[in-house]
Amino acid sequence: QLSLLEQRTYVWECGCSVDRLYPILGRLADGDLDEVFGGEEIVTLTCPRCGARYRAAREQFEAWKERA
């Protein structure tokens, strides 16, 4: 007869953040932010590894781009 020995919970934490997704957004923008943002001030970014969603503001992205 089989019985459960132990129960474990697994959580996928890839370490993503909006700052780690900005380089991907930068490659997509390639100088044309209007095309990426579509006239909006906020765009939703999705992590390709874990699927987490982040909201990125255009102002914050431009400030990041100046620092990089």
PDB file of N, CA and C in Angstrom:
ATOM      1  N   GLN A   1       0.843  -1.170   0.000  1.00  0.00           N
ATOM      2  CA  GLN A   1       0.000   0.000   0.000  1.00  0.00           C
ATOM      3  C   GLN A   1       0.896   1.244   0.000  1.00  0.00           C
ATOM      4  N   LEU A   2       0.565   2.246  -0.813  1.00  0.00           N
ATOM      5  CA  LEU A   2       1.343   3.480  -0.931  1.00  0.00           C
ATOM      6  C   LEU A   2       0.724   4.575  -0.079  1.00  0.00           C
ATOM      7  N   SER A   3       1.594   5.419   0.471  1.00  0.00           N
ATOM      8  CA  SER A   3       1.112   6.577   1.219  1.00  0.00           C
ATOM      9  C   SER A   3       2.030   7.759   0.948  1.00  0.00           C
ATOM     10  N   LEU A   4       1.519   8.941   1.147  1.00  0.00           N
ATOM     11  CA  LEU A   4       2.260  10.175   0.908  1.00  0.00           C
ATOM     12  C   LEU A   4       3.301  10.375   2.009  1.00  0.00           C
ATOM     13  N   LEU A   5       4.572  10.493   1.631  1.00  0.00           N
ATOM     14  CA  LEU A   5       5.635  10.692   2.606  1.00  0.00           C
ATOM     15  C   LEU A   5       5.805  12.159   2.972  1.00  0.00           C
ATOM     16  N   GLU A   6       5.772  12.994   1.953  1.00  0.00           N
ATOM     17  CA  GLU A   6       5.952  14.429   2.209  1.00  0.00           C
ATOM     18  C   GLU A   6       5.354  15.222   1.062  1.00  0.00           C
ATOM     19  N   GLN A   7       5.018  16.448   1.333  1.00  0.00           N
ATOM     20  CA  GLN A   7       4.439  17.325   0.324  1.00  0.00           C
ATOM     21  C   GLN A   7       5.332  18.546   0.195  1.00  0.00           C
ATOM     22  N   ARG A   8       5.687  18.901  -1.027  1.00  0.00           N
ATOM     23  CA  ARG A   8       6.557  20.050  -1.280  1.00  0.00           C
ATOM     24  C   ARG A   8       5.848  21.044  -2.182  1.00  0.00           C
ATOM     25  N   THR A   9       6.159  22.316  -1.970  1.00  0.00           N
ATOM     26  CA  THR A   9       5.632  23.383  -2.811  1.00  0.00           C
ATOM     27  C   THR A   9       6.791  24.000  -3.580  1.00  0.00           C
ATOM     28  N   TYR A  10       6.645  24.092  -4.864  1.00  0.00           N
ATOM     29  CA  TYR A  10       7.679  24.674  -5.706  1.00  0.00           C
ATOM     30  C   TYR A  10       7.198  26.008  -6.258  1.00  0.00           C
ATOM     31  N   VAL A  11       8.088  26.981  -6.260  1.00  0.00           N
ATOM     32  CA  VAL A  11       7.781  28.301  -6.792  1.00  0.00           C
ATOM     33  C   VAL A  11       8.884  28.660  -7.778  1.00  0.00           C
ATOM     34  N   TRP A  12       8.490  29.068  -8.967  1.00  0.00           N
ATOM     35  CA  TRP A  12       9.462  29.474  -9.982  1.00  0.00           C
ATOM     36  C   TRP A  12       9.752  30.951  -9.786  1.00  0.00           C
ATOM     37  N   GLU A  13      10.971  31.271  -9.383  1.00  0.00           N
ATOM     38  CA  GLU A  13      11.385  32.661  -9.220  1.00  0.00           C
ATOM     39  C   GLU A  13      12.589  32.887 -10.135  1.00  0.00           C
ATOM     40  N   CYS A  14      12.329  33.439 -11.287  1.00  0.00           N
ATOM     41  CA  CYS A  14      13.411  33.606 -12.263  1.00  0.00           C
ATOM     42  C   CYS A  14      14.232  34.864 -11.998  1.00  0.00           C
ATOM     43  N   GLY A  15      13.789  35.713 -11.083  1.00  0.00           N
ATOM     44  CA  GLY A  15      14.545  36.928 -10.788  1.00  0.00           C
ATOM     45  C   GLY A  15      14.236  38.077 -11.732  1.00  0.00           C
ATOM     46  N   CYS A  16      13.148  37.984 -12.445  1.00  0.00           N
ATOM     47  CA  CYS A  16      12.810  39.035 -13.401  1.00  0.00           C
ATOM     48  C   CYS A  16      12.331  40.287 -12.670  1.00  0.00           C
ATOM     49  N   SER A  17      12.456  41.392 -13.360  1.00  0.00           N
ATOM     50  CA  SER A  17      11.960  42.676 -12.885  1.00  0.00           C
ATOM     51  C   SER A  17      11.762  43.551 -14.113  1.00  0.00           C
ATOM     52  N   VAL A  18      11.103  44.652 -13.918  1.00  0.00           N
ATOM     53  CA  VAL A  18      10.887  45.553 -15.054  1.00  0.00           C
ATOM     54  C   VAL A  18      12.230  46.075 -15.574  1.00  0.00           C
ATOM     55  N   ASP A  19      13.199  46.278 -14.693  1.00  0.00           N
ATOM     56  CA  ASP A  19      14.519  46.748 -15.132  1.00  0.00           C
ATOM     57  C   ASP A  19      15.237  45.708 -15.998  1.00  0.00           C
ATOM     58  N   ARG A  20      14.997  44.434 -15.738  1.00  0.00           N
ATOM     59  CA  ARG A  20      15.614  43.391 -16.550  1.00  0.00           C
ATOM     60  C   ARG A  20      14.919  43.235 -17.887  1.00  0.00           C
ATOM     61  N   LEU A  21      13.680  43.702 -18.002  1.00  0.00           N
ATOM     62  CA  LEU A  21      12.943  43.611 -19.261  1.00  0.00           C
ATOM     63  C   LEU A  21      13.129  44.841 -20.146  1.00  0.00           C
ATOM     64  N   TYR A  22      13.651  45.930 -19.575  1.00  0.00           N
ATOM     65  CA  TYR A  22      13.866  47.146 -20.368  1.00  0.00           C
ATOM     66  C   TYR A  22      14.784  46.926 -21.576  1.00  0.00           C
ATOM     67  N   PRO A  23      15.877  46.146 -21.484  1.00  0.00           N
ATOM     68  CA  PRO A  23      16.688  45.935 -22.691  1.00  0.00           C
ATOM     69  C   PRO A  23      15.907  45.302 -23.841  1.00  0.00           C
ATOM     70  N   ILE A  24      14.978  44.407 -23.522  1.00  0.00           N
ATOM     71  CA  ILE A  24      14.150  43.803 -24.569  1.00  0.00           C
ATOM     72  C   ILE A  24      13.263  44.868 -25.199  1.00  0.00           C
ATOM     73  N   LEU A  25      12.677  45.700 -24.356  1.00  0.00           N
ATOM     74  CA  LEU A  25      11.837  46.793 -24.855  1.00  0.00           C
ATOM     75  C   LEU A  25      12.663  47.757 -25.702  1.00  0.00           C
ATOM     76  N   GLY A  26      13.897  48.004 -25.293  1.00  0.00           N
ATOM     77  CA  GLY A  26      14.779  48.886 -26.051  1.00  0.00           C
ATOM     78  C   GLY A  26      15.067  48.356 -27.440  1.00  0.00           C
ATOM     79  N   ARG A  27      15.264  47.041 -27.552  1.00  0.00           N
ATOM     80  CA  ARG A  27      15.509  46.444 -28.869  1.00  0.00           C
ATOM     81  C   ARG A  27      14.259  46.523 -29.741  1.00  0.00           C
ATOM     82  N   LEU A  28      13.100  46.361 -29.123  1.00  0.00           N
ATOM     83  CA  LEU A  28      11.855  46.472 -29.895  1.00  0.00           C
ATOM     84  C   LEU A  28      11.615  47.903 -30.362  1.00  0.00           C
ATOM     85  N   ALA A  29      11.898  48.845 -29.476  1.00  0.00           N
ATOM     86  CA  ALA A  29      11.649  50.254 -29.799  1.00  0.00           C
ATOM     87  C   ALA A  29      12.564  50.718 -30.911  1.00  0.00           C
ATOM     88  N   ASP A  30      13.843  50.425 -30.780  1.00  0.00           N
ATOM     89  CA  ASP A  30      14.849  50.798 -31.782  1.00  0.00           C
ATOM     90  C   ASP A  30      14.652  52.234 -32.284  1.00  0.00           C
ATOM     91  N   GLY A  31      14.404  53.133 -31.328  1.00  0.00           N
ATOM     92  CA  GLY A  31      14.283  54.543 -31.661  1.00  0.00           C
ATOM     93  C   GLY A  31      12.856  55.021 -31.872  1.00  0.00           C
ATOM     94  N   ASP A  32      11.915  54.117 -32.054  1.00  0.00           N
ATOM     95  CA  ASP A  32      10.536  54.522 -32.304  1.00  0.00           C
ATOM     96  C   ASP A  32       9.640  54.076 -31.146  1.00  0.00           C
ATOM     97  N   LEU A  33       9.606  54.889 -30.097  1.00  0.00           N
ATOM     98  CA  LEU A  33       8.813  54.556 -28.916  1.00  0.00           C
ATOM     99  C   LEU A  33       7.316  54.623 -29.188  1.00  0.00           C
ATOM    100  N   ASP A  34       6.900  55.467 -30.126  1.00  0.00           N
ATOM    101  CA  ASP A  34       5.471  55.588 -30.425  1.00  0.00           C
ATOM    102  C   ASP A  34       4.902  54.271 -30.949  1.00  0.00           C
ATOM    103  N   GLU A  35       5.701  53.540 -31.711  1.00  0.00           N
ATOM    104  CA  GLU A  35       5.241  52.264 -32.247  1.00  0.00           C
ATOM    105  C   GLU A  35       5.070  51.236 -31.137  1.00  0.00           C
ATOM    106  N   VAL A  36       5.998  51.199 -30.195  1.00  0.00           N
ATOM    107  CA  VAL A  36       5.935  50.225 -29.096  1.00  0.00           C
ATOM    108  C   VAL A  36       4.833  50.579 -28.109  1.00  0.00           C
ATOM    109  N   PHE A  37       4.757  51.846 -27.723  1.00  0.00           N
ATOM    110  CA  PHE A  37       3.774  52.259 -26.733  1.00  0.00           C
ATOM    111  C   PHE A  37       2.397  52.499 -27.345  1.00  0.00           C
ATOM    112  N   GLY A  38       2.314  52.632 -28.641  1.00  0.00           N
ATOM    113  CA  GLY A  38       1.030  52.792 -29.311  1.00  0.00           C
ATOM    114  C   GLY A  38       0.251  54.012 -28.870  1.00  0.00           C
ATOM    115  N   GLY A  39       0.946  55.097 -28.553  1.00  0.00           N
ATOM    116  CA  GLY A  39       0.284  56.317 -28.125  1.00  0.00           C
ATOM    117  C   GLY A  39      -0.104  56.317 -26.654  1.00  0.00           C
ATOM    118  N   GLU A  40       0.122  55.226 -25.961  1.00  0.00           N
ATOM    119  CA  GLU A  40      -0.198  55.126 -24.539  1.00  0.00           C
ATOM    120  C   GLU A  40       1.022  55.501 -23.708  1.00  0.00           C
ATOM    121  N   GLU A  41       0.806  55.776 -22.440  1.00  0.00           N
ATOM    122  CA  GLU A  41       1.904  56.109 -21.529  1.00  0.00           C
ATOM    123  C   GLU A  41       2.442  54.879 -20.811  1.00  0.00           C
ATOM    124  N   ILE A  42       1.670  53.792 -20.808  1.00  0.00           N
ATOM    125  CA  ILE A  42       2.073  52.575 -20.106  1.00  0.00           C
ATOM    126  C   ILE A  42       1.911  51.382 -21.039  1.00  0.00           C
ATOM    127  N   VAL A  43       2.902  50.481 -21.019  1.00  0.00           N
ATOM    128  CA  VAL A  43       2.848  49.258 -21.803  1.00  0.00           C
ATOM    129  C   VAL A  43       3.019  48.083 -20.832  1.00  0.00           C
ATOM    130  N   THR A  44       2.405  46.953 -21.144  1.00  0.00           N
ATOM    131  CA  THR A  44       2.530  45.760 -20.313  1.00  0.00           C
ATOM    132  C   THR A  44       3.600  44.856 -20.895  1.00  0.00           C
ATOM    133  N   LEU A  45       4.585  44.515 -20.082  1.00  0.00           N
ATOM    134  CA  LEU A  45       5.666  43.610 -20.479  1.00  0.00           C
ATOM    135  C   LEU A  45       5.446  42.262 -19.800  1.00  0.00           C
ATOM    136  N   THR A  46       5.693  41.182 -20.516  1.00  0.00           N
ATOM    137  CA  THR A  46       5.558  39.842 -19.959  1.00  0.00           C
ATOM    138  C   THR A  46       6.909  39.152 -20.002  1.00  0.00           C
ATOM    139  N   CYS A  47       7.339  38.618 -18.858  1.00  0.00           N
ATOM    140  CA  CYS A  47       8.618  37.916 -18.778  1.00  0.00           C
ATOM    141  C   CYS A  47       8.543  36.645 -19.626  1.00  0.00           C
ATOM    142  N   PRO A  48       9.513  36.421 -20.518  1.00  0.00           N
ATOM    143  CA  PRO A  48       9.473  35.229 -21.363  1.00  0.00           C
ATOM    144  C   PRO A  48       9.776  33.934 -20.599  1.00  0.00           C
ATOM    145  N   ARG A  49      10.346  34.029 -19.408  1.00  0.00           N
ATOM    146  CA  ARG A  49      10.686  32.829 -18.646  1.00  0.00           C
ATOM    147  C   ARG A  49       9.560  32.363 -17.739  1.00  0.00           C
ATOM    148  N   CYS A  50       8.998  33.284 -16.943  1.00  0.00           N
ATOM    149  CA  CYS A  50       8.022  32.872 -15.935  1.00  0.00           C
ATOM    150  C   CYS A  50       6.617  33.384 -16.208  1.00  0.00           C
ATOM    151  N   GLY A  51       6.471  34.312 -17.152  1.00  0.00           N
ATOM    152  CA  GLY A  51       5.145  34.818 -17.495  1.00  0.00           C
ATOM    153  C   GLY A  51       4.654  35.954 -16.618  1.00  0.00           C
ATOM    154  N   ALA A  52       5.491  36.461 -15.704  1.00  0.00           N
ATOM    155  CA  ALA A  52       5.086  37.579 -14.852  1.00  0.00           C
ATOM    156  C   ALA A  52       4.842  38.809 -15.723  1.00  0.00           C
ATOM    157  N   ARG A  53       3.872  39.605 -15.330  1.00  0.00           N
ATOM    158  CA  ARG A  53       3.535  40.810 -16.092  1.00  0.00           C
ATOM    159  C   ARG A  53       3.942  42.046 -15.316  1.00  0.00           C
ATOM    160  N   TYR A  54       4.507  43.001 -16.056  1.00  0.00           N
ATOM    161  CA  TYR A  54       4.940  44.265 -15.474  1.00  0.00           C
ATOM    162  C   TYR A  54       4.377  45.398 -16.315  1.00  0.00           C
ATOM    163  N   ARG A  55       4.027  46.473 -15.645  1.00  0.00           N
ATOM    164  CA  ARG A  55       3.573  47.680 -16.331  1.00  0.00           C
ATOM    165  C   ARG A  55       4.738  48.657 -16.361  1.00  0.00           C
ATOM    166  N   ALA A  56       5.128  49.057 -17.555  1.00  0.00           N
ATOM    167  CA  ALA A  56       6.250  49.968 -17.727  1.00  0.00           C
ATOM    168  C   ALA A  56       5.748  51.304 -18.260  1.00  0.00           C
ATOM    169  N   ALA A  57       6.083  52.359 -17.543  1.00  0.00           N
ATOM    170  CA  ALA A  57       5.702  53.706 -17.971  1.00  0.00           C
ATOM    171  C   ALA A  57       6.744  54.238 -18.952  1.00  0.00           C
ATOM    172  N   ARG A  58       6.283  54.998 -19.892  1.00  0.00           N
ATOM    173  CA  ARG A  58       7.176  55.565 -20.907  1.00  0.00           C
ATOM    174  C   ARG A  58       8.246  56.449 -20.268  1.00  0.00           C
ATOM    175  N   GLU A  59       7.862  57.261 -19.277  1.00  0.00           N
ATOM    176  CA  GLU A  59       8.825  58.140 -18.593  1.00  0.00           C
ATOM    177  C   GLU A  59       9.946  57.333 -17.935  1.00  0.00           C
ATOM    178  N   GLN A  60       9.556  56.255 -17.252  1.00  0.00           N
ATOM    179  CA  GLN A  60      10.552  55.427 -16.573  1.00  0.00           C
ATOM    180  C   GLN A  60      11.487  54.754 -17.577  1.00  0.00           C
ATOM    181  N   PHE A  61      10.927  54.300 -18.698  1.00  0.00           N
ATOM    182  CA  PHE A  61      11.765  53.675 -19.718  1.00  0.00           C
ATOM    183  C   PHE A  61      12.751  54.681 -20.302  1.00  0.00           C
ATOM    184  N   GLU A  62      12.294  55.890 -20.575  1.00  0.00           N
ATOM    185  CA  GLU A  62      13.195  56.922 -21.126  1.00  0.00           C
ATOM    186  C   GLU A  62      14.282  57.264 -20.136  1.00  0.00           C
ATOM    187  N   ALA A  63      13.949  57.328 -18.844  1.00  0.00           N
ATOM    188  CA  ALA A  63      14.970  57.599 -17.808  1.00  0.00           C
ATOM    189  C   ALA A  63      15.969  56.467 -17.736  1.00  0.00           C
ATOM    190  N   TRP A  64      15.510  55.233 -17.840  1.00  0.00           N
ATOM    191  CA  TRP A  64      16.415  54.075 -17.856  1.00  0.00           C
ATOM    192  C   TRP A  64      17.337  54.124 -19.065  1.00  0.00           C
ATOM    193  N   LYS A  65      16.774  54.477 -20.201  1.00  0.00           N
ATOM    194  CA  LYS A  65      17.550  54.536 -21.455  1.00  0.00           C
ATOM    195  C   LYS A  65      18.667  55.579 -21.369  1.00  0.00           C
ATOM    196  N   GLU A  66      18.396  56.700 -20.706  1.00  0.00           N
ATOM    197  CA  GLU A  66      19.420  57.742 -20.546  1.00  0.00           C
ATOM    198  C   GLU A  66      20.551  57.267 -19.636  1.00  0.00           C
ATOM    199  N   ARG A  67      20.207  56.489 -18.607  1.00  0.00           N
ATOM    200  CA  ARG A  67      21.216  55.969 -17.679  1.00  0.00           C
ATOM    201  C   ARG A  67      22.079  54.882 -18.316  1.00  0.00           C
ATOM    202  N   ALA A  68      21.494  54.123 -19.229  1.00  0.00           N
ATOM    203  CA  ALA A  68      22.207  52.983 -19.830  1.00  0.00           C
ATOM    204  C   ALA A  68      23.223  53.397 -20.856  1.00  0.00           C
TER     205      ALA A  68
END
